[in-house]
Amino acid sequence: MLKLCSVSKTFNPGTITEKRALKDVSLELQDGDFVTVIGGNGAGKSTLLNLIAGVHHTDTGSIILDGMDLTGRPEHCRAKYLGRVFQDPMLGTAGSMEIEENLAMAMRRGRRRGLSWHIQPAERSVYREKLALLDLGLEDRMHSKVGLLSGGQRQALTLLMATLQKPRLLLLDEHTAALDPKTARKVLELTEEFVAKDNLTTFMVTHNMRDAIRYGSRLIMMMEGRIVFDVSGEEKKNLKVEDLLAKFSVAGEVNDRMILG
């Protein structure tokens, strides 16, 4: 489903602030893979996600999604193939619009649009059914402005919007980092439920080692712009936090956020 071939990225090349964020990274995700990506600050994990999304462009290498070469395509041209949930709950929704209007935008992603704006009763019924899955009571508040919701409610809504039309690839960029522990657990449970239901190919960046081990079918560890550990199947199921700590400690990468998370 996703193939990265020798991808590299350097920010501010030739200056005193030059940063080699990614160094010749190659990676393949099969259809239905749920990959968690762990790494310290500056490891390159968010840069890798942003290259896939088109926020940044590669210096070298190629990005192939489901047989399509996305390497040179701008961000807006990739959006119809990708679902994305950001770290900041405020970024994934339009706060001045109603809940059902946000869902309608997500439903129409990638489609041609006219000048009219109308949500059909059958469509509204689908939104109510989908919102009920969140178990947050939002199905009874469909005309509420999204800006009135809590951060956790907005993030759950963003997750629903990102998966409303089955994306080729779901990108999760530390999407629970800004939430309190209870809300973060709820959003992660919803993530696991939605991914399993539609067998979504998923790329989830996280700082939390426990979450990286608990969720997904495959775990990737990054350090200094490279993939240094890639595990799946029974080997991943048998992983413990201590195993990851040992690998990070060898490189001096472990930090309080990763342990306390």
Protein backbone atom coordinates (compact mmCIF):
# COMPACT_ATOMS: atom_id res chain seq x y z
CA MET A 1 0.00 0.00 0.00
CA LEU A 2 2.88 2.37 0.79
CA LYS A 3 6.45 2.22 -0.47
CA LEU A 4 9.19 4.67 0.47
CA CYS A 5 12.40 4.26 -1.53
CA SER A 6 15.62 5.85 -0.21
CA VAL A 7 13.88 8.95 1.12
CA SER A 8 16.07 11.75 2.51
CA LYS A 9 15.27 15.22 3.83
CA THR A 10 17.54 18.02 5.04
CA PHE A 11 16.19 21.29 6.43
CA ASN A 12 18.11 24.56 5.97
CA PRO A 13 20.91 22.93 3.92
CA GLY A 14 24.22 24.79 3.84
CA THR A 15 23.41 26.92 6.89
CA ILE A 16 24.45 26.83 10.52
CA THR A 17 21.02 25.38 11.38
CA GLU A 18 21.23 22.54 8.85
CA LYS A 19 19.36 19.46 10.06
CA ARG A 20 19.45 16.08 8.33
CA ALA A 21 16.02 14.87 9.39
CA LEU A 22 15.85 11.69 7.29
CA LYS A 23 18.74 9.69 5.89
CA ASP A 24 18.04 7.26 3.06
CA VAL A 25 14.89 5.73 4.60
CA SER A 26 13.21 2.83 2.82
CA LEU A 27 9.97 1.30 4.08
CA GLU A 28 7.06 -0.78 2.81
CA LEU A 29 3.58 -1.06 4.36
CA GLN A 30 1.28 -3.83 3.21
CA ASP A 31 -2.46 -3.38 2.87
CA GLY A 32 -3.97 -3.46 6.37
CA ASP A 33 -0.72 -2.90 8.27
CA PHE A 34 -1.12 -0.88 11.48
CA VAL A 35 2.35 0.51 12.13
CA THR A 36 3.29 2.38 15.30
CA VAL A 37 6.39 4.58 15.04
CA ILE A 38 8.40 5.37 18.16
CA GLY A 39 11.43 7.61 18.56
CA GLY A 40 12.97 10.41 20.60
CA ASN A 41 12.83 14.10 19.78
CA GLY A 42 14.36 14.76 16.38
CA ALA A 43 14.35 11.09 15.40
CA GLY A 44 12.55 11.90 12.14
CA LYS A 45 9.22 10.21 12.74
CA SER A 46 7.00 13.30 12.27
CA THR A 47 9.12 14.42 9.32
CA LEU A 48 8.52 11.04 7.70
CA LEU A 49 4.76 11.38 8.23
CA ASN A 50 4.80 14.93 6.83
CA LEU A 51 6.68 13.78 3.73
CA ILE A 52 3.99 11.17 3.11
CA ALA A 53 1.27 13.80 3.61
CA GLY A 54 3.00 16.27 1.29
CA VAL A 55 3.65 18.96 3.92
CA HIS A 56 7.33 18.69 2.96
CA HIS A 57 8.89 17.24 -0.17
CA THR A 58 11.73 14.77 -0.38
CA ASP A 59 15.26 15.82 -1.34
CA THR A 60 15.85 12.35 -2.76
CA GLY A 61 13.85 9.15 -3.07
CA SER A 62 10.24 8.38 -3.96
CA ILE A 63 6.88 7.84 -2.25
CA ILE A 64 4.47 5.35 -3.84
CA LEU A 65 0.93 4.95 -2.47
CA ASP A 66 -1.15 2.06 -3.81
CA GLY A 67 0.81 2.16 -7.07
CA MET A 68 0.60 5.96 -7.46
CA ASP A 69 3.78 8.06 -7.41
CA LEU A 70 3.08 10.88 -4.95
CA THR A 71 6.66 12.14 -4.74
CA GLY A 72 6.15 15.48 -6.46
CA ARG A 73 2.46 16.02 -5.76
CA PRO A 74 1.42 18.91 -3.50
CA GLU A 75 -0.38 18.33 -0.22
CA HIS A 76 -3.88 19.13 -1.47
CA CYS A 77 -3.58 16.58 -4.30
CA ARG A 78 -2.81 13.81 -1.80
CA ALA A 79 -5.61 14.70 0.62
CA LYS A 80 -8.28 12.61 -1.11
CA TYR A 81 -6.21 9.45 -0.55
CA LEU A 82 -5.23 10.15 3.07
CA GLY A 83 -6.98 10.41 6.41
CA ARG A 84 -5.08 12.44 8.97
CA VAL A 85 -5.41 13.27 12.66
CA PHE A 86 -3.10 15.93 14.08
CA GLN A 87 -1.54 16.32 17.52
CA ASP A 88 -3.49 19.54 18.12
CA PRO A 89 -7.24 18.78 18.41
CA MET A 90 -8.02 22.24 17.01
CA LEU A 91 -6.44 21.52 13.61
CA GLY A 92 -8.67 18.74 12.32
CA THR A 93 -12.03 20.51 12.43
CA ALA A 94 -13.64 23.85 11.53
CA GLY A 95 -14.64 25.33 14.88
CA SER A 96 -17.09 27.90 13.48
CA MET A 97 -19.12 25.22 11.67
CA GLU A 98 -21.64 22.72 13.05
CA ILE A 99 -20.77 19.10 13.76
CA GLU A 100 -22.85 17.84 10.85
CA GLU A 101 -21.28 20.43 8.52
CA ASN A 102 -17.81 19.18 9.44
CA LEU A 103 -18.90 15.63 8.71
CA ALA A 104 -20.40 16.71 5.40
CA MET A 105 -17.05 18.24 4.39
CA ALA A 106 -15.29 15.01 5.28
CA MET A 107 -17.85 12.96 3.33
CA ARG A 108 -17.26 15.11 0.23
CA ARG A 109 -13.47 14.98 0.38
CA GLY A 110 -12.00 14.37 -3.05
CA ARG A 111 -15.30 14.89 -4.87
CA ARG A 112 -16.30 17.67 -7.26
CA ARG A 113 -18.47 20.26 -5.54
CA GLY A 114 -21.04 22.71 -6.83
CA LEU A 115 -22.30 25.94 -5.31
CA SER A 116 -25.17 24.39 -3.39
CA TRP A 117 -24.89 23.22 0.21
CA HIS A 118 -27.50 20.81 1.44
CA ILE A 119 -27.39 17.81 3.75
CA GLN A 120 -30.00 15.24 2.80
CA PRO A 121 -32.06 13.54 5.55
CA ALA A 122 -30.55 10.14 4.68
CA GLU A 123 -27.07 11.63 4.95
CA ARG A 124 -27.90 13.18 8.32
CA SER A 125 -29.10 9.77 9.52
CA VAL A 126 -25.71 8.27 8.61
CA TYR A 127 -23.91 11.00 10.55
CA ARG A 128 -26.07 10.38 13.61
CA GLU A 129 -25.28 6.67 13.44
CA LYS A 130 -21.55 7.31 13.08
CA LEU A 131 -21.47 9.82 15.93
CA ALA A 132 -23.22 7.34 18.21
CA LEU A 133 -20.16 5.07 17.82
CA LEU A 134 -18.10 7.66 19.70
CA ASP A 135 -20.33 7.26 22.78
CA LEU A 136 -19.94 10.97 23.58
CA GLY A 137 -23.54 12.09 23.03
CA LEU A 138 -22.59 14.11 19.94
CA GLU A 139 -25.35 12.48 17.89
CA ASP A 140 -27.79 14.66 19.86
CA ARG A 141 -25.73 17.83 19.27
CA MET A 142 -25.28 17.75 15.51
CA HIS A 143 -26.18 21.44 15.15
CA SER A 144 -23.70 22.54 17.82
CA LYS A 145 -20.65 24.52 16.76
CA VAL A 146 -17.53 22.38 16.92
CA GLY A 147 -15.73 25.21 18.71
CA LEU A 148 -17.92 24.52 21.76
CA LEU A 149 -16.61 20.96 22.12
CA SER A 150 -13.80 19.87 24.42
CA GLY A 151 -10.40 18.93 23.03
CA GLY A 152 -11.12 15.23 23.43
CA GLN A 153 -14.50 15.51 21.72
CA ARG A 154 -12.93 17.41 18.82
CA GLN A 155 -10.18 14.83 18.46
CA ALA A 156 -12.69 11.97 18.45
CA LEU A 157 -14.69 13.87 15.81
CA THR A 158 -11.51 14.43 13.75
CA LEU A 159 -10.79 10.71 13.89
CA LEU A 160 -14.31 9.96 12.68
CA MET A 161 -13.94 12.50 9.86
CA ALA A 162 -10.58 11.03 8.82
CA THR A 163 -12.10 7.55 8.49
CA LEU A 164 -15.58 8.48 7.23
CA GLN A 165 -14.53 7.62 3.69
CA LYS A 166 -12.09 4.73 3.86
CA PRO A 167 -8.70 6.36 3.16
CA ARG A 168 -5.90 4.53 1.37
CA LEU A 169 -3.71 5.44 4.34
CA LEU A 170 -4.53 6.80 7.82
CA LEU A 171 -1.88 9.10 9.32
CA LEU A 172 -1.93 9.67 13.08
CA ASP A 173 0.61 12.23 14.30
CA GLU A 174 0.79 11.82 18.10
CA HIS A 175 -2.97 12.30 18.04
CA THR A 176 -3.44 11.71 21.79
CA ALA A 177 -0.42 13.68 23.07
CA ALA A 178 -2.47 16.80 23.92
CA LEU A 179 -5.24 14.90 25.73
CA ASP A 180 -5.60 13.90 29.37
CA PRO A 181 -4.90 10.17 30.05
CA LYS A 182 -8.56 9.11 30.27
CA THR A 183 -9.53 10.89 27.05
CA ALA A 184 -6.39 9.66 25.30
CA ARG A 185 -7.32 6.08 26.15
CA LYS A 186 -10.81 6.60 24.73
CA VAL A 187 -9.45 8.03 21.47
CA LEU A 188 -6.96 5.17 21.15
CA GLU A 189 -9.73 2.62 21.70
CA LEU A 190 -11.79 4.31 18.98
CA THR A 191 -8.73 4.32 16.73
CA GLU A 192 -8.25 0.58 17.18
CA GLU A 193 -11.97 -0.02 16.55
CA PHE A 194 -12.13 2.04 13.34
CA VAL A 195 -8.87 0.61 11.96
CA ALA A 196 -10.01 -2.96 12.59
CA LYS A 197 -13.51 -2.38 11.20
CA ASP A 198 -12.31 -1.17 7.79
CA ASN A 199 -8.89 -2.89 7.81
CA LEU A 200 -7.23 0.51 7.37
CA THR A 201 -3.54 0.77 6.56
CA THR A 202 -2.35 3.01 9.40
CA PHE A 203 0.83 4.91 10.28
CA MET A 204 0.74 6.10 13.92
CA VAL A 205 3.53 8.25 15.36
CA THR A 206 3.78 8.21 19.15
CA HIS A 207 6.15 9.05 21.99
CA ASN A 208 4.45 6.56 24.28
CA MET A 209 6.24 3.20 24.34
CA ARG A 210 3.33 1.39 26.00
CA ASP A 211 0.95 2.56 23.28
CA ALA A 212 3.46 1.65 20.57
CA ILE A 213 3.60 -1.90 21.94
CA ARG A 214 -0.09 -2.29 22.75
CA TYR A 215 -1.53 -1.04 19.47
CA GLY A 216 -0.89 -2.06 15.90
CA SER A 217 0.54 -5.08 14.12
CA ARG A 218 4.04 -3.69 13.59
CA LEU A 219 6.43 -1.39 15.47
CA ILE A 220 9.16 0.77 13.99
CA MET A 221 11.82 2.60 16.01
CA MET A 222 13.62 5.61 14.56
CA MET A 223 16.84 7.29 15.66
CA GLU A 224 18.69 10.18 14.03
CA GLY A 225 16.70 10.01 10.81
CA ARG A 226 16.95 6.27 10.28
CA ILE A 227 14.84 3.18 10.99
CA VAL A 228 16.85 1.11 13.47
CA PHE A 229 14.27 -1.46 14.59
CA ASP A 230 11.31 -3.02 12.77
CA VAL A 231 9.31 -5.77 14.45
CA SER A 232 5.93 -7.44 13.85
CA GLY A 233 3.95 -10.60 14.58
CA GLU A 234 4.73 -12.66 17.65
CA GLU A 235 7.97 -10.79 18.25
CA LYS A 236 6.03 -7.54 18.67
CA LYS A 237 3.41 -9.19 20.88
CA ASN A 238 6.18 -10.36 23.21
CA LEU A 239 7.85 -6.93 23.42
CA LYS A 240 8.06 -5.18 26.77
CA VAL A 241 8.74 -1.55 27.61
CA GLU A 242 12.05 -2.65 29.09
CA ASP A 243 13.09 -4.04 25.69
CA LEU A 244 12.50 -0.69 24.01
CA LEU A 245 14.16 1.20 26.87
CA ALA A 246 17.26 -0.93 26.44
CA LYS A 247 17.43 -0.11 22.73
CA PHE A 248 16.94 3.61 23.33
CA SER A 249 19.41 3.69 26.19
CA VAL A 250 22.16 2.31 23.98
CA ALA A 251 21.86 5.43 21.85
CA GLY A 252 21.13 7.76 24.77
CA GLU A 253 17.73 8.58 23.25
CA VAL A 254 15.41 7.84 26.14
CA ASN A 255 13.67 10.82 27.78
CA ASP A 256 11.15 11.43 30.57
CA ARG A 257 8.22 11.92 28.22
CA MET A 258 8.71 8.44 26.73
CA ILE A 259 9.00 6.78 30.15
CA LEU A 260 6.20 8.65 31.94
CA GLY A 261 3.86 8.39 28.95
